[in-house]
Amino acid sequence: MALHFELVTPAKLVRSEDVHMVVVPGAEGEFGVLEGHAPFMSTIRDGAVQVYKTDGGAPETIEVRGGFAEVGENGLTVLAEHVES
């Protein structure tokens, strides 16, 4: 099983892929999302989104600024104001 993850800015779709887990810098603390997570929405703070492509693998880090995250039936979508490239 895999979690579908999308990272979007106002300008473009940055990422759309299936991954094992994503850790998001939520406004009230970091939270991890796996496949099957309950529906959830949170604002995000400036920080690093950590993308784990496999169980036990090293995370890829993507710096984001502002926005919000939504977990739904289709997976996790992070709508960031800005993504460091």
Protein backbone atom coordinates (compact mmCIF):
# COMPACT_ATOMS: atom_id res chain seq x y z
CA MET A 1 0.00 0.00 0.00
CA ALA A 2 1.17 3.52 -0.74
CA LEU A 3 0.15 7.05 0.12
CA HIS A 4 -0.53 9.36 -2.82
CA PHE A 5 1.30 12.66 -2.14
CA GLU A 6 0.94 15.93 -4.01
CA LEU A 7 2.87 19.13 -3.35
CA VAL A 8 1.39 22.20 -5.03
CA THR A 9 2.20 25.93 -5.12
CA PRO A 10 0.06 28.69 -6.62
CA ALA A 11 2.30 28.52 -9.69
CA LYS A 12 2.59 24.76 -10.35
CA LEU A 13 2.33 21.13 -9.34
CA VAL A 14 5.70 20.39 -7.76
CA ARG A 15 5.23 16.69 -6.90
CA SER A 16 2.70 13.94 -7.52
CA GLU A 17 3.82 10.47 -6.47
CA ASP A 18 3.10 7.42 -4.35
CA VAL A 19 5.23 7.24 -1.20
CA HIS A 20 5.37 5.34 2.10
CA MET A 21 4.98 8.28 4.52
CA VAL A 22 5.18 12.09 4.68
CA VAL A 23 5.95 14.19 7.77
CA VAL A 24 4.50 17.71 7.57
CA PRO A 25 5.45 20.77 9.68
CA GLY A 26 1.97 21.56 11.01
CA ALA A 27 1.18 24.85 12.74
CA GLU A 28 0.71 22.95 16.02
CA GLY A 29 3.57 20.50 15.52
CA GLU A 30 4.81 17.96 13.01
CA PHE A 31 2.50 15.15 11.94
CA GLY A 32 3.08 12.00 9.92
CA VAL A 33 0.70 10.66 7.29
CA LEU A 34 0.52 7.05 6.12
CA GLU A 35 -1.91 5.34 3.73
CA GLY A 36 -5.36 5.09 5.34
CA HIS A 37 -4.96 8.16 7.59
CA ALA A 38 -8.24 9.69 8.78
CA PRO A 39 -9.37 12.86 6.95
CA PHE A 40 -7.55 15.84 8.39
CA MET A 41 -6.72 19.45 7.55
CA SER A 42 -4.04 21.71 9.05
CA THR A 43 -2.24 24.93 8.34
CA ILE A 44 1.50 24.47 7.96
CA ARG A 45 4.40 26.53 9.22
CA ASP A 46 7.68 27.25 7.49
CA GLY A 47 9.82 24.14 7.66
CA ALA A 48 10.73 20.85 6.06
CA VAL A 49 8.34 18.32 4.56
CA GLN A 50 10.00 14.91 4.91
CA VAL A 51 9.10 12.38 2.22
CA TYR A 52 9.81 8.70 2.93
CA LYS A 53 9.62 6.77 -0.34
CA THR A 54 10.04 3.40 1.40
CA ASP A 55 9.55 1.99 4.89
CA GLY A 56 12.83 2.49 6.77
CA GLY A 57 14.36 4.58 3.99
CA ALA A 58 16.04 7.96 4.46
CA PRO A 59 13.69 10.91 3.96
CA GLU A 60 13.91 13.46 1.19
CA THR A 61 13.53 16.96 2.64
CA ILE A 62 11.62 19.73 0.87
CA GLU A 63 11.59 23.21 2.42
CA VAL A 64 8.19 24.94 2.34
CA ARG A 65 6.82 28.28 3.48
CA GLY A 66 3.23 28.67 4.61
CA GLY A 67 0.09 27.03 3.32
CA PHE A 68 -2.00 24.09 4.44
CA ALA A 69 -2.22 20.31 4.20
CA GLU A 70 -5.25 18.15 3.55
CA VAL A 71 -5.55 14.40 4.05
CA GLY A 72 -8.50 12.85 2.23
CA GLU A 73 -9.61 9.77 0.32
CA ASN A 74 -7.09 10.51 -2.43
CA GLY A 75 -4.10 10.87 -0.08
CA LEU A 76 -2.17 13.93 1.13
CA THR A 77 -2.10 17.29 -0.63
CA VAL A 78 0.21 20.04 0.63
CA LEU A 79 -0.64 23.48 -0.77
CA ALA A 80 2.44 25.58 0.00
CA GLU A 81 2.82 29.31 -0.55
CA HIS A 82 6.43 28.71 -1.59
CA VAL A 83 8.72 25.71 -2.12
CA GLU A 84 12.51 26.06 -2.02
CA SER A 85 14.01 24.51 -5.14
